[in-house]
Amino acid sequence: MPVTYCCVLCGLLKEKLNRMKYNKDFKYDLKVGQVKEEELGEIFNSKTIEVKYDLQALKTNNVYVEYFSRGKPSGISKSIADFYCFCFGDTFHLIKTSTLKEKCRKYLNSNRDKKGGDNNTSKGILLPLDELF
């Protein structure tokens, strides 16, 4: 399946890429690209991904990460997915679930911890988009 969209990889993949040294040689760049393609392929073929489409993200510059609904843990609190993928506009942003939990945890009981969902029966964190990158 050809990938025709922008995908921001999880912190682990970005960290590996940052450790690779820059080289103007196309053969080197090709190898670096192929390593990243393989890593992304491994994620898509052997990991679980929870996909969320956020219609408001580009307007609010936040994604809503639900963790509680109708009196019980839900969303990220119950997710068994290895990764979360947030879709907004024509981009897809991939992040490890464990990393997403860490980023959201600091906002519990803050002004970013909001009611939402149908009839405001859920609770979630408004995570700034720039924290996904």
C-alpha atoms as a PDB file:
ATOM      1  CA  MET A   1       0.000   0.000   0.000  1.00  0.00           C
ATOM      2  CA  PRO A   2       1.648   3.267  -1.070  1.00  0.00           C
ATOM      3  CA  VAL A   3       1.920   5.902   1.606  1.00  0.00           C
ATOM      4  CA  THR A   4       0.893   9.261   0.150  1.00  0.00           C
ATOM      5  CA  TYR A   5       0.583  11.301   3.315  1.00  0.00           C
ATOM      6  CA  CYS A   6       2.859  13.058   5.738  1.00  0.00           C
ATOM      7  CA  CYS A   7       3.666  10.942   8.781  1.00  0.00           C
ATOM      8  CA  VAL A   8       5.458  12.295  11.812  1.00  0.00           C
ATOM      9  CA  LEU A   9       7.140   9.327  13.439  1.00  0.00           C
ATOM     10  CA  CYS A  10       7.235   8.596  17.136  1.00  0.00           C
ATOM     11  CA  GLY A  11      10.011  10.001  19.302  1.00  0.00           C
ATOM     12  CA  LEU A  12      12.016   6.775  19.128  1.00  0.00           C
ATOM     13  CA  LEU A  13      12.258   6.864  15.344  1.00  0.00           C
ATOM     14  CA  LYS A  14      13.033  10.589  15.344  1.00  0.00           C
ATOM     15  CA  GLU A  15      15.784   9.985  17.898  1.00  0.00           C
ATOM     16  CA  LYS A  16      17.382   7.298  15.722  1.00  0.00           C
ATOM     17  CA  LEU A  17      17.236   9.575  12.692  1.00  0.00           C
ATOM     18  CA  ASN A  18      18.848  12.434  14.644  1.00  0.00           C
ATOM     19  CA  ARG A  19      21.765  10.163  15.582  1.00  0.00           C
ATOM     20  CA  MET A  20      22.498   9.392  11.928  1.00  0.00           C
ATOM     21  CA  LYS A  21      25.070  11.716  10.416  1.00  0.00           C
ATOM     22  CA  TYR A  22      24.253  13.896   7.430  1.00  0.00           C
ATOM     23  CA  ASN A  23      25.959  13.060   4.167  1.00  0.00           C
ATOM     24  CA  LYS A  24      25.477  14.640   0.724  1.00  0.00           C
ATOM     25  CA  ASP A  25      25.941  11.275  -1.012  1.00  0.00           C
ATOM     26  CA  PHE A  26      22.621  10.059  -2.479  1.00  0.00           C
ATOM     27  CA  LYS A  27      23.555   6.417  -1.839  1.00  0.00           C
ATOM     28  CA  TYR A  28      23.924   7.203   1.866  1.00  0.00           C
ATOM     29  CA  ASP A  29      20.647   9.164   1.939  1.00  0.00           C
ATOM     30  CA  LEU A  30      18.917   6.287   0.169  1.00  0.00           C
ATOM     31  CA  LYS A  31      20.116   3.837   2.833  1.00  0.00           C
ATOM     32  CA  VAL A  32      18.892   6.146   5.614  1.00  0.00           C
ATOM     33  CA  GLY A  33      15.510   6.413   3.890  1.00  0.00           C
ATOM     34  CA  GLN A  34      15.287   2.653   3.467  1.00  0.00           C
ATOM     35  CA  VAL A  35      16.014   2.099   7.171  1.00  0.00           C
ATOM     36  CA  LYS A  36      13.165   4.464   8.053  1.00  0.00           C
ATOM     37  CA  GLU A  37      10.859   2.727   5.549  1.00  0.00           C
ATOM     38  CA  GLU A  38      11.627  -0.618   7.184  1.00  0.00           C
ATOM     39  CA  GLU A  39      10.986   0.767  10.677  1.00  0.00           C
ATOM     40  CA  LEU A  40       7.668   2.247   9.577  1.00  0.00           C
ATOM     41  CA  GLY A  41       6.769  -1.019   7.850  1.00  0.00           C
ATOM     42  CA  GLU A  42       7.449  -2.909  11.081  1.00  0.00           C
ATOM     43  CA  ILE A  43       5.100  -0.563  12.940  1.00  0.00           C
ATOM     44  CA  PHE A  44       2.316  -1.023  10.392  1.00  0.00           C
ATOM     45  CA  ASN A  45       2.783  -4.779  10.108  1.00  0.00           C
ATOM     46  CA  SER A  46       3.365  -5.873  13.684  1.00  0.00           C
ATOM     47  CA  LYS A  47       2.081  -3.167  16.043  1.00  0.00           C
ATOM     48  CA  THR A  48      -1.374  -2.036  17.006  1.00  0.00           C
ATOM     49  CA  ILE A  49      -2.374   1.519  16.164  1.00  0.00           C
ATOM     50  CA  GLU A  50      -5.371   3.424  17.488  1.00  0.00           C
ATOM     51  CA  VAL A  51      -6.423   6.038  14.956  1.00  0.00           C
ATOM     52  CA  LYS A  52      -8.172   9.249  16.010  1.00  0.00           C
ATOM     53  CA  TYR A  53      -9.558  11.798  13.561  1.00  0.00           C
ATOM     54  CA  ASP A  54      -9.809  15.195  15.235  1.00  0.00           C
ATOM     55  CA  LEU A  55     -11.913  17.658  13.238  1.00  0.00           C
ATOM     56  CA  GLN A  56     -11.141  20.564  15.589  1.00  0.00           C
ATOM     57  CA  ALA A  57      -7.377  20.104  15.991  1.00  0.00           C
ATOM     58  CA  LEU A  58      -6.311  22.561  13.321  1.00  0.00           C
ATOM     59  CA  LYS A  59      -8.688  25.224  14.681  1.00  0.00           C
ATOM     60  CA  THR A  60      -7.767  24.765  18.349  1.00  0.00           C
ATOM     61  CA  ASN A  61      -4.129  23.643  17.967  1.00  0.00           C
ATOM     62  CA  ASN A  62      -4.943  20.820  20.408  1.00  0.00           C
ATOM     63  CA  VAL A  63      -5.963  17.185  20.240  1.00  0.00           C
ATOM     64  CA  TYR A  64      -8.446  15.811  22.748  1.00  0.00           C
ATOM     65  CA  VAL A  65      -7.135  12.666  24.444  1.00  0.00           C
ATOM     66  CA  GLU A  66      -9.982  10.967  26.293  1.00  0.00           C
ATOM     67  CA  TYR A  67      -9.174   9.021  29.454  1.00  0.00           C
ATOM     68  CA  PHE A  68     -12.516   8.722  31.321  1.00  0.00           C
ATOM     69  CA  SER A  69     -16.134   8.353  30.199  1.00  0.00           C
ATOM     70  CA  ARG A  70     -19.482   7.653  31.828  1.00  0.00           C
ATOM     71  CA  GLY A  71     -17.972   6.944  35.217  1.00  0.00           C
ATOM     72  CA  LYS A  72     -15.133   4.641  34.191  1.00  0.00           C
ATOM     73  CA  PRO A  73     -11.672   4.677  32.587  1.00  0.00           C
ATOM     74  CA  SER A  74     -11.754   4.828  28.797  1.00  0.00           C
ATOM     75  CA  GLY A  75      -9.714   5.981  25.824  1.00  0.00           C
ATOM     76  CA  ILE A  76      -6.004   6.146  26.519  1.00  0.00           C
ATOM     77  CA  SER A  77      -6.528   4.737  30.038  1.00  0.00           C
ATOM     78  CA  LYS A  78      -7.804   1.471  28.552  1.00  0.00           C
ATOM     79  CA  SER A  79      -6.000   1.391  25.219  1.00  0.00           C
ATOM     80  CA  ILE A  80      -3.845  -1.633  24.445  1.00  0.00           C
ATOM     81  CA  ALA A  81      -2.529  -0.062  21.223  1.00  0.00           C
ATOM     82  CA  ASP A  82       1.217   0.315  20.803  1.00  0.00           C
ATOM     83  CA  PHE A  83       0.767   3.631  18.980  1.00  0.00           C
ATOM     84  CA  TYR A  84      -1.786   6.384  18.585  1.00  0.00           C
ATOM     85  CA  CYS A  85      -2.216   8.042  15.214  1.00  0.00           C
ATOM     86  CA  PHE A  86      -3.865  11.469  15.164  1.00  0.00           C
ATOM     87  CA  CYS A  87      -5.313  12.541  11.839  1.00  0.00           C
ATOM     88  CA  PHE A  88      -6.142  16.134  11.049  1.00  0.00           C
ATOM     89  CA  GLY A  89      -6.137  17.921   7.762  1.00  0.00           C
ATOM     90  CA  ASP A  90      -4.233  15.676   5.397  1.00  0.00           C
ATOM     91  CA  THR A  91      -1.571  14.616   7.892  1.00  0.00           C
ATOM     92  CA  PHE A  92      -1.121  11.609  10.128  1.00  0.00           C
ATOM     93  CA  HIS A  93       0.898  11.927  13.342  1.00  0.00           C
ATOM     94  CA  LEU A  94       2.136   8.731  14.940  1.00  0.00           C
ATOM     95  CA  ILE A  95       3.189   8.595  18.592  1.00  0.00           C
ATOM     96  CA  LYS A  96       3.910   5.747  21.002  1.00  0.00           C
ATOM     97  CA  THR A  97       1.004   5.291  23.393  1.00  0.00           C
ATOM     98  CA  SER A  98       3.372   5.272  26.356  1.00  0.00           C
ATOM     99  CA  THR A  99       4.863   8.606  25.222  1.00  0.00           C
ATOM    100  CA  LEU A 100       1.403  10.080  24.721  1.00  0.00           C
ATOM    101  CA  LYS A 101       0.413   9.022  28.243  1.00  0.00           C
ATOM    102  CA  GLU A 102       3.505  10.752  29.665  1.00  0.00           C
ATOM    103  CA  LYS A 103       2.733  13.938  27.763  1.00  0.00           C
ATOM    104  CA  CYS A 104      -0.895  13.954  28.949  1.00  0.00           C
ATOM    105  CA  ARG A 105      -0.210  13.008  32.566  1.00  0.00           C
ATOM    106  CA  LYS A 106       1.305  16.391  33.395  1.00  0.00           C
ATOM    107  CA  TYR A 107      -1.995  18.082  32.478  1.00  0.00           C
ATOM    108  CA  LEU A 108      -4.235  16.047  34.801  1.00  0.00           C
ATOM    109  CA  ASN A 109      -6.227  18.357  37.082  1.00  0.00           C
ATOM    110  CA  SER A 110      -5.067  21.437  35.158  1.00  0.00           C
ATOM    111  CA  ASN A 111      -6.952  23.839  32.905  1.00  0.00           C
ATOM    112  CA  ARG A 112      -6.245  21.396  30.031  1.00  0.00           C
ATOM    113  CA  ASP A 113      -8.175  18.591  31.764  1.00  0.00           C
ATOM    114  CA  LYS A 114     -11.620  19.086  30.185  1.00  0.00           C
ATOM    115  CA  LYS A 115     -15.048  17.532  29.941  1.00  0.00           C
ATOM    116  CA  GLY A 116     -16.034  16.598  26.422  1.00  0.00           C
ATOM    117  CA  GLY A 117     -17.626  14.015  24.181  1.00  0.00           C
ATOM    118  CA  ASP A 118     -21.347  13.376  23.911  1.00  0.00           C
ATOM    119  CA  ASN A 119     -23.183  15.474  26.503  1.00  0.00           C
ATOM    120  CA  ASN A 120     -19.861  16.186  28.257  1.00  0.00           C
ATOM    121  CA  THR A 121     -19.839  12.681  29.748  1.00  0.00           C
ATOM    122  CA  SER A 122     -16.123  12.190  29.084  1.00  0.00           C
ATOM    123  CA  LYS A 123     -12.921  13.679  30.429  1.00  0.00           C
ATOM    124  CA  GLY A 124      -9.792  14.219  28.430  1.00  0.00           C
ATOM    125  CA  ILE A 125      -6.658  16.237  28.023  1.00  0.00           C
ATOM    126  CA  LEU A 126      -6.346  19.035  25.471  1.00  0.00           C
ATOM    127  CA  LEU A 127      -2.812  18.294  24.322  1.00  0.00           C
ATOM    128  CA  PRO A 128      -1.114  21.041  22.278  1.00  0.00           C
ATOM    129  CA  LEU A 129      -0.332  19.884  18.741  1.00  0.00           C
ATOM    130  CA  ASP A 130       3.301  20.874  19.058  1.00  0.00           C
ATOM    131  CA  GLU A 131       3.697  18.254  21.795  1.00  0.00           C
ATOM    132  CA  LEU A 132       2.961  15.510  19.252  1.00  0.00           C
ATOM    133  CA  PHE A 133       6.159  16.316  17.371  1.00  0.00           C
END
